[in-house]
N, C-alpha and C. Protein backbone atom coordinates (compact mmCIF):
# COMPACT_ATOMS: atom_id res chain seq x y z
N MET A 1 3.38 34.80 -28.54
CA MET A 1 2.21 34.44 -27.76
C MET A 1 2.34 35.01 -26.35
N HIS A 2 1.32 35.65 -25.87
CA HIS A 2 1.32 36.32 -24.58
C HIS A 2 0.83 35.35 -23.49
N HIS A 3 1.61 35.26 -22.41
CA HIS A 3 1.23 34.41 -21.27
C HIS A 3 0.76 35.28 -20.13
N ASP A 4 -0.39 35.00 -19.64
CA ASP A 4 -0.95 35.73 -18.51
C ASP A 4 -0.47 35.05 -17.23
N PRO A 5 0.25 35.75 -16.35
CA PRO A 5 0.74 35.14 -15.12
C PRO A 5 -0.39 34.60 -14.24
N ALA A 6 -1.51 35.27 -14.21
CA ALA A 6 -2.64 34.80 -13.39
C ALA A 6 -3.16 33.46 -13.91
N SER A 7 -3.25 33.30 -15.22
CA SER A 7 -3.75 32.03 -15.76
C SER A 7 -2.74 30.91 -15.54
N ASP A 8 -1.44 31.25 -15.57
CA ASP A 8 -0.43 30.24 -15.27
C ASP A 8 -0.55 29.76 -13.82
N ILE A 9 -0.77 30.70 -12.92
CA ILE A 9 -0.92 30.35 -11.50
C ILE A 9 -2.17 29.49 -11.31
N LEU A 10 -3.27 29.87 -11.96
CA LEU A 10 -4.50 29.09 -11.86
C LEU A 10 -4.32 27.70 -12.44
N ARG A 11 -3.61 27.58 -13.55
CA ARG A 11 -3.36 26.27 -14.16
C ARG A 11 -2.53 25.39 -13.23
N GLN A 12 -1.49 25.96 -12.62
CA GLN A 12 -0.67 25.22 -11.69
C GLN A 12 -1.47 24.80 -10.45
N ALA A 13 -2.30 25.70 -9.95
CA ALA A 13 -3.15 25.38 -8.80
C ALA A 13 -4.13 24.27 -9.14
N SER A 14 -4.68 24.33 -10.35
CA SER A 14 -5.63 23.31 -10.80
C SER A 14 -4.95 21.94 -10.88
N GLU A 15 -3.74 21.90 -11.41
CA GLU A 15 -3.00 20.63 -11.49
C GLU A 15 -2.70 20.10 -10.09
N HIS A 16 -2.34 21.01 -9.17
CA HIS A 16 -2.06 20.60 -7.80
C HIS A 16 -3.31 20.01 -7.13
N VAL A 17 -4.45 20.66 -7.33
CA VAL A 17 -5.70 20.18 -6.74
C VAL A 17 -6.07 18.82 -7.33
N LYS A 18 -5.92 18.65 -8.64
CA LYS A 18 -6.22 17.35 -9.27
C LYS A 18 -5.33 16.26 -8.68
N HIS A 19 -4.03 16.57 -8.54
CA HIS A 19 -3.09 15.61 -7.99
C HIS A 19 -3.48 15.24 -6.55
N ARG A 20 -3.79 16.24 -5.73
CA ARG A 20 -4.16 15.99 -4.34
C ARG A 20 -5.50 15.26 -4.25
N ALA A 21 -6.44 15.58 -5.13
CA ALA A 21 -7.75 14.92 -5.11
C ALA A 21 -7.59 13.43 -5.37
N ILE A 22 -6.77 13.08 -6.34
CA ILE A 22 -6.52 11.66 -6.62
C ILE A 22 -5.86 11.01 -5.41
N TYR A 23 -4.92 11.69 -4.81
CA TYR A 23 -4.21 11.18 -3.64
C TYR A 23 -5.17 10.94 -2.46
N TYR A 24 -6.05 11.92 -2.20
CA TYR A 24 -7.00 11.77 -1.09
C TYR A 24 -8.05 10.70 -1.39
N ALA A 25 -8.51 10.62 -2.63
CA ALA A 25 -9.46 9.57 -3.01
C ALA A 25 -8.84 8.19 -2.82
N ALA A 26 -7.58 8.06 -3.20
CA ALA A 26 -6.88 6.77 -3.03
C ALA A 26 -6.76 6.44 -1.54
N ARG A 27 -6.47 7.44 -0.70
CA ARG A 27 -6.39 7.19 0.75
C ARG A 27 -7.73 6.74 1.32
N ILE A 28 -8.81 7.34 0.85
CA ILE A 28 -10.14 6.94 1.32
C ILE A 28 -10.42 5.49 0.91
N ILE A 29 -10.06 5.12 -0.30
CA ILE A 29 -10.26 3.73 -0.75
C ILE A 29 -9.47 2.77 0.13
N VAL A 30 -8.21 3.10 0.41
CA VAL A 30 -7.37 2.23 1.25
C VAL A 30 -7.96 2.11 2.66
N LEU A 31 -8.35 3.22 3.25
CA LEU A 31 -8.93 3.17 4.60
C LEU A 31 -10.26 2.42 4.61
N GLY A 32 -11.07 2.61 3.57
CA GLY A 32 -12.34 1.89 3.47
C GLY A 32 -12.14 0.39 3.37
N LEU A 33 -11.17 -0.02 2.57
CA LEU A 33 -10.87 -1.44 2.42
C LEU A 33 -10.34 -2.02 3.73
N LEU A 34 -9.45 -1.29 4.39
CA LEU A 34 -8.91 -1.75 5.66
C LEU A 34 -10.01 -1.88 6.71
N ALA A 35 -10.89 -0.90 6.79
CA ALA A 35 -12.00 -0.96 7.75
C ALA A 35 -12.91 -2.13 7.44
N SER A 36 -13.14 -2.38 6.16
CA SER A 36 -13.98 -3.51 5.77
C SER A 36 -13.35 -4.84 6.18
N ILE A 37 -12.05 -4.97 5.98
CA ILE A 37 -11.35 -6.20 6.35
C ILE A 37 -11.42 -6.42 7.85
N MET A 38 -11.19 -5.36 8.62
CA MET A 38 -11.11 -5.50 10.07
C MET A 38 -12.45 -5.56 10.76
N PHE A 39 -13.41 -4.73 10.33
CA PHE A 39 -14.63 -4.58 11.10
C PHE A 39 -15.90 -5.11 10.41
N PHE A 40 -15.88 -5.16 9.09
CA PHE A 40 -17.06 -5.59 8.34
C PHE A 40 -16.70 -6.64 7.31
N PRO A 41 -16.16 -7.78 7.74
CA PRO A 41 -15.69 -8.78 6.76
C PRO A 41 -16.80 -9.32 5.85
N HIS A 42 -18.04 -9.32 6.32
CA HIS A 42 -19.14 -9.80 5.49
C HIS A 42 -19.37 -8.89 4.28
N MET A 43 -18.90 -7.64 4.37
CA MET A 43 -19.04 -6.71 3.25
C MET A 43 -18.03 -6.96 2.14
N LEU A 44 -16.96 -7.70 2.44
CA LEU A 44 -15.95 -7.96 1.43
C LEU A 44 -16.52 -8.72 0.23
N THR A 45 -17.43 -9.66 0.47
CA THR A 45 -18.03 -10.41 -0.62
C THR A 45 -18.79 -9.48 -1.55
N LEU A 46 -19.53 -8.54 -0.98
CA LEU A 46 -20.23 -7.56 -1.80
C LEU A 46 -19.25 -6.62 -2.50
N PHE A 47 -18.22 -6.27 -1.79
CA PHE A 47 -17.19 -5.38 -2.31
C PHE A 47 -16.51 -5.99 -3.53
N PHE A 48 -16.14 -7.25 -3.42
CA PHE A 48 -15.41 -7.92 -4.49
C PHE A 48 -16.33 -8.48 -5.57
N GLY A 49 -17.62 -8.57 -5.28
CA GLY A 49 -18.57 -9.08 -6.25
C GLY A 49 -18.86 -8.10 -7.38
N ASN A 50 -18.60 -6.83 -7.15
CA ASN A 50 -18.83 -5.79 -8.14
C ASN A 50 -17.50 -5.49 -8.84
N LEU A 51 -17.41 -5.77 -10.14
CA LEU A 51 -16.18 -5.62 -10.89
C LEU A 51 -15.68 -4.17 -10.89
N ILE A 52 -16.59 -3.22 -11.00
CA ILE A 52 -16.19 -1.80 -11.02
C ILE A 52 -15.59 -1.39 -9.68
N VAL A 53 -16.21 -1.82 -8.60
CA VAL A 53 -15.69 -1.50 -7.26
C VAL A 53 -14.33 -2.18 -7.06
N LEU A 54 -14.21 -3.43 -7.49
CA LEU A 54 -12.95 -4.15 -7.36
C LEU A 54 -11.84 -3.46 -8.15
N LEU A 55 -12.12 -3.07 -9.39
CA LEU A 55 -11.11 -2.38 -10.20
C LEU A 55 -10.75 -1.01 -9.62
N ALA A 56 -11.74 -0.28 -9.12
CA ALA A 56 -11.47 1.02 -8.50
C ALA A 56 -10.61 0.85 -7.25
N THR A 57 -10.86 -0.20 -6.50
CA THR A 57 -10.08 -0.47 -5.29
C THR A 57 -8.64 -0.82 -5.65
N ILE A 58 -8.47 -1.67 -6.65
CA ILE A 58 -7.12 -2.02 -7.08
C ILE A 58 -6.39 -0.78 -7.57
N LEU A 59 -7.05 0.01 -8.41
CA LEU A 59 -6.44 1.22 -8.94
C LEU A 59 -6.10 2.21 -7.83
N GLY A 60 -7.01 2.37 -6.87
CA GLY A 60 -6.75 3.29 -5.75
C GLY A 60 -5.56 2.88 -4.91
N THR A 61 -5.43 1.61 -4.61
CA THR A 61 -4.31 1.15 -3.78
C THR A 61 -2.99 1.27 -4.55
N VAL A 62 -3.01 0.97 -5.83
CA VAL A 62 -1.78 1.08 -6.63
C VAL A 62 -1.37 2.54 -6.79
N ILE A 63 -2.32 3.43 -7.07
CA ILE A 63 -2.01 4.86 -7.20
C ILE A 63 -1.42 5.40 -5.90
N LEU A 64 -2.03 5.05 -4.78
CA LEU A 64 -1.52 5.54 -3.50
C LEU A 64 -0.11 5.00 -3.25
N ALA A 65 0.12 3.73 -3.51
CA ALA A 65 1.44 3.14 -3.28
C ALA A 65 2.49 3.82 -4.15
N LEU A 66 2.20 4.00 -5.43
CA LEU A 66 3.16 4.63 -6.33
C LEU A 66 3.42 6.09 -5.96
N THR A 67 2.35 6.81 -5.60
CA THR A 67 2.49 8.22 -5.23
C THR A 67 3.34 8.36 -3.97
N LEU A 68 3.07 7.56 -2.98
CA LEU A 68 3.84 7.65 -1.74
C LEU A 68 5.27 7.20 -1.91
N PHE A 69 5.49 6.17 -2.72
CA PHE A 69 6.85 5.69 -2.96
C PHE A 69 7.66 6.77 -3.68
N ALA A 70 7.06 7.39 -4.70
CA ALA A 70 7.74 8.47 -5.41
C ALA A 70 7.99 9.65 -4.47
N ASP A 71 7.04 9.94 -3.61
CA ASP A 71 7.19 11.02 -2.65
C ASP A 71 8.35 10.75 -1.70
N LEU A 72 8.47 9.52 -1.24
CA LEU A 72 9.58 9.17 -0.35
C LEU A 72 10.92 9.32 -1.06
N LEU A 73 10.97 8.91 -2.32
CA LEU A 73 12.23 8.94 -3.05
C LEU A 73 12.65 10.34 -3.49
N PHE A 74 11.69 11.16 -3.91
CA PHE A 74 12.05 12.40 -4.59
C PHE A 74 11.72 13.68 -3.83
N GLU A 75 10.95 13.60 -2.76
CA GLU A 75 10.58 14.79 -2.00
C GLU A 75 11.33 14.80 -0.67
N LYS A 76 11.71 16.00 -0.24
CA LYS A 76 12.35 16.14 1.07
C LYS A 76 11.27 15.95 2.14
N GLN A 77 11.53 15.08 3.09
CA GLN A 77 10.57 14.82 4.16
C GLN A 77 10.77 15.85 5.27
N GLU A 78 9.66 16.46 5.71
CA GLU A 78 9.74 17.54 6.69
C GLU A 78 10.26 17.07 8.05
N ASN A 79 9.74 15.94 8.51
CA ASN A 79 10.15 15.45 9.83
C ASN A 79 9.86 13.95 9.90
N VAL A 80 10.26 13.36 11.00
CA VAL A 80 10.09 11.92 11.17
C VAL A 80 8.61 11.55 11.27
N GLY A 81 7.80 12.41 11.87
CA GLY A 81 6.36 12.13 11.97
C GLY A 81 5.71 12.03 10.61
N SER A 82 6.06 12.94 9.72
CA SER A 82 5.55 12.91 8.36
C SER A 82 6.02 11.65 7.64
N LEU A 83 7.26 11.28 7.87
CA LEU A 83 7.82 10.07 7.26
C LEU A 83 7.07 8.83 7.76
N ILE A 84 6.78 8.77 9.04
CA ILE A 84 6.06 7.62 9.60
C ILE A 84 4.64 7.55 9.03
N PHE A 85 3.97 8.69 8.93
CA PHE A 85 2.62 8.73 8.37
C PHE A 85 2.62 8.20 6.94
N LYS A 86 3.55 8.67 6.13
CA LYS A 86 3.65 8.20 4.74
C LYS A 86 4.01 6.73 4.68
N TYR A 87 4.90 6.30 5.58
CA TYR A 87 5.29 4.89 5.62
C TYR A 87 4.09 3.99 5.93
N LEU A 88 3.27 4.40 6.90
CA LEU A 88 2.10 3.60 7.26
C LEU A 88 1.14 3.46 6.07
N PHE A 89 0.86 4.57 5.40
CA PHE A 89 -0.03 4.50 4.24
C PHE A 89 0.60 3.73 3.08
N LEU A 90 1.90 3.90 2.89
CA LEU A 90 2.58 3.15 1.83
C LEU A 90 2.54 1.66 2.11
N THR A 91 2.84 1.28 3.33
CA THR A 91 2.81 -0.14 3.70
C THR A 91 1.40 -0.71 3.54
N LEU A 92 0.41 0.01 4.05
CA LEU A 92 -0.98 -0.45 3.91
C LEU A 92 -1.38 -0.59 2.45
N SER A 93 -1.05 0.38 1.65
CA SER A 93 -1.47 0.33 0.24
C SER A 93 -0.78 -0.80 -0.50
N VAL A 94 0.49 -1.06 -0.21
CA VAL A 94 1.19 -2.17 -0.87
C VAL A 94 0.59 -3.50 -0.43
N ILE A 95 0.37 -3.68 0.86
CA ILE A 95 -0.21 -4.93 1.36
C ILE A 95 -1.60 -5.15 0.77
N LEU A 96 -2.40 -4.11 0.74
CA LEU A 96 -3.75 -4.24 0.19
C LEU A 96 -3.73 -4.49 -1.31
N ALA A 97 -2.84 -3.81 -2.04
CA ALA A 97 -2.76 -4.01 -3.50
C ALA A 97 -2.35 -5.44 -3.82
N TYR A 98 -1.35 -5.96 -3.12
CA TYR A 98 -0.96 -7.35 -3.35
C TYR A 98 -2.06 -8.31 -2.90
N GLY A 99 -2.71 -8.00 -1.79
CA GLY A 99 -3.82 -8.84 -1.33
C GLY A 99 -4.93 -8.90 -2.37
N LEU A 100 -5.22 -7.78 -2.99
CA LEU A 100 -6.23 -7.76 -4.05
C LEU A 100 -5.78 -8.61 -5.25
N PHE A 101 -4.48 -8.53 -5.56
CA PHE A 101 -3.98 -9.38 -6.65
C PHE A 101 -4.13 -10.85 -6.28
N TYR A 102 -3.76 -11.22 -5.04
CA TYR A 102 -3.89 -12.62 -4.62
C TYR A 102 -5.35 -13.07 -4.71
N TYR A 103 -6.27 -12.16 -4.37
CA TYR A 103 -7.69 -12.50 -4.46
C TYR A 103 -8.10 -12.76 -5.90
N VAL A 104 -7.75 -11.85 -6.80
CA VAL A 104 -8.10 -12.02 -8.22
C VAL A 104 -7.44 -13.29 -8.76
N ASN A 105 -6.21 -13.53 -8.37
CA ASN A 105 -5.51 -14.73 -8.82
C ASN A 105 -6.21 -15.99 -8.30
N ALA A 106 -6.60 -15.96 -7.02
CA ALA A 106 -7.22 -17.15 -6.41
C ALA A 106 -8.62 -17.42 -6.93
N THR A 107 -9.31 -16.39 -7.36
CA THR A 107 -10.70 -16.58 -7.78
C THR A 107 -10.88 -16.58 -9.29
N GLN A 108 -9.98 -15.94 -10.03
CA GLN A 108 -10.18 -15.80 -11.47
C GLN A 108 -9.06 -16.41 -12.32
N ILE A 109 -7.82 -16.15 -11.96
CA ILE A 109 -6.70 -16.51 -12.84
C ILE A 109 -6.22 -17.94 -12.62
N GLU A 110 -5.84 -18.27 -11.40
CA GLU A 110 -5.30 -19.60 -11.08
C GLU A 110 -5.95 -20.19 -9.83
N PRO A 111 -7.25 -20.48 -9.87
CA PRO A 111 -7.88 -21.07 -8.68
C PRO A 111 -7.22 -22.40 -8.33
N PRO A 112 -7.07 -22.77 -7.09
CA PRO A 112 -7.55 -22.12 -5.88
C PRO A 112 -6.65 -20.99 -5.41
N GLY A 113 -5.44 -20.88 -5.91
CA GLY A 113 -4.59 -19.73 -5.63
C GLY A 113 -3.90 -19.72 -4.28
N ILE A 114 -4.49 -20.35 -3.30
CA ILE A 114 -3.90 -20.43 -1.96
C ILE A 114 -4.00 -21.86 -1.48
N HIS A 115 -2.91 -22.37 -0.91
CA HIS A 115 -2.93 -23.69 -0.31
C HIS A 115 -2.85 -23.52 1.20
N TYR A 116 -3.84 -24.12 1.89
CA TYR A 116 -3.86 -24.08 3.35
C TYR A 116 -3.18 -25.34 3.86
N MET A 117 -2.29 -25.20 4.81
CA MET A 117 -1.57 -26.34 5.36
C MET A 117 -2.51 -27.21 6.20
N GLN A 118 -2.19 -28.48 6.27
CA GLN A 118 -2.98 -29.43 7.04
C GLN A 118 -3.03 -29.01 8.51
N GLY A 119 -4.15 -29.28 9.12
CA GLY A 119 -4.31 -28.98 10.54
C GLY A 119 -4.66 -27.54 10.82
N LEU A 120 -4.80 -26.73 9.79
CA LEU A 120 -5.18 -25.34 10.00
C LEU A 120 -6.66 -25.32 10.35
N GLY A 121 -6.93 -24.98 11.59
CA GLY A 121 -8.31 -24.98 12.05
C GLY A 121 -9.05 -23.73 11.62
N GLY A 122 -10.30 -23.74 11.81
CA GLY A 122 -11.10 -22.56 11.52
C GLY A 122 -11.60 -22.53 10.10
N GLU A 123 -12.41 -21.55 9.87
CA GLU A 123 -13.04 -21.38 8.57
C GLU A 123 -12.07 -20.69 7.61
N LYS A 124 -12.02 -21.17 6.38
CA LYS A 124 -11.18 -20.56 5.37
C LYS A 124 -11.99 -19.49 4.65
N ASP A 125 -11.48 -18.29 4.69
CA ASP A 125 -12.17 -17.13 4.15
C ASP A 125 -11.22 -16.42 3.19
N VAL A 126 -11.29 -16.77 1.91
CA VAL A 126 -10.34 -16.25 0.92
C VAL A 126 -10.33 -14.73 0.91
N GLU A 127 -11.49 -14.10 1.06
CA GLU A 127 -11.56 -12.64 1.01
C GLU A 127 -10.67 -11.98 2.07
N ARG A 128 -10.56 -12.59 3.23
CA ARG A 128 -9.71 -12.02 4.28
C ARG A 128 -8.33 -12.64 4.28
N ASP A 129 -8.26 -13.92 3.96
CA ASP A 129 -6.98 -14.63 4.02
C ASP A 129 -5.94 -14.07 3.06
N VAL A 130 -6.38 -13.53 1.92
CA VAL A 130 -5.41 -12.98 0.96
C VAL A 130 -4.66 -11.79 1.57
N PHE A 131 -5.30 -11.03 2.43
CA PHE A 131 -4.64 -9.88 3.05
C PHE A 131 -3.69 -10.33 4.15
N TYR A 132 -4.06 -11.39 4.85
CA TYR A 132 -3.17 -11.98 5.85
C TYR A 132 -1.92 -12.53 5.14
N LEU A 133 -2.13 -13.25 4.03
CA LEU A 133 -1.01 -13.78 3.24
C LEU A 133 -0.13 -12.64 2.76
N SER A 134 -0.75 -11.57 2.30
CA SER A 134 -0.01 -10.41 1.80
C SER A 134 0.82 -9.76 2.92
N ALA A 135 0.24 -9.57 4.08
CA ALA A 135 0.97 -8.94 5.19
C ALA A 135 2.14 -9.80 5.66
N THR A 136 1.93 -11.10 5.79
CA THR A 136 3.04 -11.96 6.22
C THR A 136 4.12 -12.06 5.16
N THR A 137 3.75 -11.90 3.90
CA THR A 137 4.74 -11.89 2.82
C THR A 137 5.50 -10.57 2.80
N TYR A 138 4.80 -9.46 2.93
CA TYR A 138 5.42 -8.13 2.92
C TYR A 138 6.49 -8.04 4.00
N TYR A 139 6.17 -8.49 5.18
CA TYR A 139 7.11 -8.43 6.29
C TYR A 139 8.03 -9.64 6.36
N THR A 140 7.95 -10.52 5.39
CA THR A 140 8.75 -11.75 5.28
C THR A 140 8.69 -12.60 6.55
N ILE A 141 7.50 -12.68 7.13
CA ILE A 141 7.30 -13.50 8.31
C ILE A 141 7.17 -14.96 7.88
N GLY A 142 6.27 -15.24 6.95
CA GLY A 142 6.12 -16.58 6.40
C GLY A 142 5.83 -17.65 7.43
N TYR A 143 4.67 -17.60 8.06
CA TYR A 143 4.32 -18.60 9.06
C TYR A 143 4.19 -20.00 8.45
N GLY A 144 3.84 -20.09 7.20
CA GLY A 144 3.71 -21.38 6.54
C GLY A 144 2.33 -21.99 6.65
N ASP A 145 1.38 -21.27 7.24
CA ASP A 145 0.03 -21.81 7.37
C ASP A 145 -0.74 -21.72 6.06
N MET A 146 -0.31 -20.87 5.15
CA MET A 146 -0.87 -20.82 3.80
C MET A 146 0.22 -20.33 2.85
N VAL A 147 0.16 -20.85 1.64
CA VAL A 147 1.16 -20.48 0.64
C VAL A 147 0.45 -20.15 -0.67
N PRO A 148 1.04 -19.25 -1.45
CA PRO A 148 0.45 -18.93 -2.75
C PRO A 148 0.66 -20.07 -3.73
N LEU A 149 -0.35 -20.33 -4.56
CA LEU A 149 -0.26 -21.37 -5.58
C LEU A 149 -0.24 -20.73 -6.96
N GLY A 150 0.50 -21.30 -7.85
CA GLY A 150 0.54 -20.83 -9.22
C GLY A 150 1.72 -19.90 -9.46
N ALA A 151 2.11 -19.84 -10.72
CA ALA A 151 3.28 -19.04 -11.10
C ALA A 151 3.09 -17.56 -10.81
N TYR A 152 1.92 -17.02 -11.10
CA TYR A 152 1.68 -15.59 -10.90
C TYR A 152 1.71 -15.22 -9.42
N ALA A 153 1.05 -16.02 -8.60
CA ALA A 153 1.01 -15.74 -7.16
C ALA A 153 2.38 -15.87 -6.53
N ARG A 154 3.16 -16.84 -6.96
CA ARG A 154 4.51 -16.99 -6.41
C ARG A 154 5.41 -15.85 -6.84
N ALA A 155 5.29 -15.44 -8.09
CA ALA A 155 6.08 -14.28 -8.57
C ALA A 155 5.67 -13.02 -7.80
N ALA A 156 4.38 -12.86 -7.56
CA ALA A 156 3.90 -11.71 -6.80
C ALA A 156 4.45 -11.76 -5.37
N ALA A 157 4.49 -12.94 -4.77
CA ALA A 157 4.99 -13.07 -3.41
C ALA A 157 6.47 -12.66 -3.33
N VAL A 158 7.25 -13.08 -4.30
CA VAL A 158 8.67 -12.72 -4.31
C VAL A 158 8.82 -11.21 -4.49
N SER A 159 8.06 -10.63 -5.41
CA SER A 159 8.18 -9.19 -5.64
C SER A 159 7.66 -8.40 -4.42
N GLU A 160 6.64 -8.91 -3.76
CA GLU A 160 6.12 -8.22 -2.58
C GLU A 160 7.14 -8.25 -1.44
N ALA A 161 7.78 -9.38 -1.22
CA ALA A 161 8.80 -9.46 -0.18
C ALA A 161 9.96 -8.52 -0.50
N PHE A 162 10.36 -8.46 -1.76
CA PHE A 162 11.41 -7.54 -2.17
C PHE A 162 11.00 -6.10 -1.92
N MET A 163 9.77 -5.74 -2.34
CA MET A 163 9.27 -4.37 -2.14
C MET A 163 9.21 -4.03 -0.66
N GLY A 164 8.73 -4.96 0.15
CA GLY A 164 8.65 -4.71 1.59
C GLY A 164 10.02 -4.42 2.19
N ASN A 165 11.01 -5.21 1.81
CA ASN A 165 12.37 -4.99 2.32
C ASN A 165 12.94 -3.67 1.81
N LEU A 166 12.71 -3.36 0.54
CA LEU A 166 13.20 -2.12 -0.04
C LEU A 166 12.57 -0.90 0.63
N ILE A 167 11.27 -0.93 0.78
CA ILE A 167 10.57 0.19 1.42
C ILE A 167 11.03 0.37 2.86
N ASN A 168 11.14 -0.72 3.61
CA ASN A 168 11.59 -0.63 5.00
C ASN A 168 13.00 -0.07 5.08
N LEU A 169 13.88 -0.49 4.18
CA LEU A 169 15.25 0.00 4.16
C LEU A 169 15.30 1.49 3.84
N ILE A 170 14.56 1.92 2.84
CA ILE A 170 14.54 3.34 2.46
C ILE A 170 14.00 4.20 3.60
N VAL A 171 12.91 3.79 4.20
CA VAL A 171 12.31 4.58 5.28
C VAL A 171 13.22 4.62 6.50
N LEU A 172 13.86 3.51 6.83
CA LEU A 172 14.77 3.49 7.96
C LEU A 172 15.96 4.41 7.69
N ALA A 173 16.52 4.36 6.49
CA ALA A 173 17.64 5.24 6.14
C ALA A 173 17.22 6.71 6.20
N MET A 174 16.02 7.01 5.71
CA MET A 174 15.55 8.40 5.74
C MET A 174 15.31 8.87 7.17
N ALA A 175 14.80 7.99 8.01
CA ALA A 175 14.57 8.36 9.41
C ALA A 175 15.89 8.67 10.11
N PHE A 176 16.89 7.83 9.88
CA PHE A 176 18.20 8.09 10.49
C PHE A 176 18.81 9.37 9.94
N GLN A 177 18.68 9.58 8.66
CA GLN A 177 19.20 10.80 8.04
C GLN A 177 18.52 12.03 8.63
N ASN A 178 17.21 11.96 8.82
CA ASN A 178 16.46 13.07 9.39
C ASN A 178 16.86 13.30 10.85
N LEU A 179 17.03 12.23 11.59
CA LEU A 179 17.41 12.36 13.00
C LEU A 179 18.82 12.92 13.16
N LEU A 180 19.72 12.58 12.26
CA LEU A 180 21.09 13.07 12.36
C LEU A 180 21.19 14.56 12.04
N ARG A 181 20.21 15.12 11.34
CA ARG A 181 20.20 16.54 11.01
C ARG A 181 19.71 17.41 12.15
N ILE A 182 19.17 16.82 13.21
CA ILE A 182 18.63 17.60 14.33
C ILE A 182 19.79 18.19 15.14
N GLU A 183 19.74 19.48 15.31
CA GLU A 183 20.77 20.18 16.08
C GLU A 183 20.33 20.28 17.54
N PRO A 184 21.28 20.23 18.48
CA PRO A 184 20.93 20.41 19.89
C PRO A 184 20.33 21.80 20.13
N LYS A 185 19.35 21.88 21.01
CA LYS A 185 18.62 23.14 21.27
C LYS A 185 19.41 24.07 22.19
N ASP A 186 20.32 23.54 22.97
CA ASP A 186 21.03 24.39 23.93
C ASP A 186 22.24 25.11 23.33
N GLY A 187 22.46 24.97 22.03
CA GLY A 187 23.56 25.68 21.39
C GLY A 187 24.87 24.94 21.48
N MET A 188 24.91 23.86 22.22
CA MET A 188 26.13 23.09 22.35
C MET A 188 26.20 22.08 21.20
N GLY A 189 27.29 21.54 20.96
CA GLY A 189 27.44 20.55 19.91
C GLY A 189 28.46 21.01 18.89
N ARG A 190 28.27 20.63 17.70
CA ARG A 190 29.24 20.88 16.62
C ARG A 190 29.55 22.30 16.50
């Protein structure tokens, strides 16, 4: 069987474009969700009310998290700036993915899903609170003003805290490794 080098190059380029398109689409979903949480919270109800949009959002955040995590583990990072950029998107996508799980758990699987501690003032807004719960869990802050309810939410909280610590450890180790490879510019040193 004869292989045409030009068609092989086109096939490889096509696969690369497909991979990058999924990656960029996932980034747009993550940024859209983050903007909605921060600036347009009233849109979250519409966002989560549509099952297709909710599933696409969950899939987008998970794809981005997995892609970036694999990239951190298996690809050589060019510089610390690139590492920080990937870390920010990885952290955001993990927090948002777990927040979406907490939302589905609280509204569909194990309602009420979140317990608010006594004396917590203000309006309770599950659509936004799940992301706050996710962020405080990821960073293992645990203020105690709300806790996940149910076996699934508690298991997710433990796995999220583990993932947050693992990701932070890997990125910190990679940053130090990258910084130690920098040679002095004046020719002095080793």
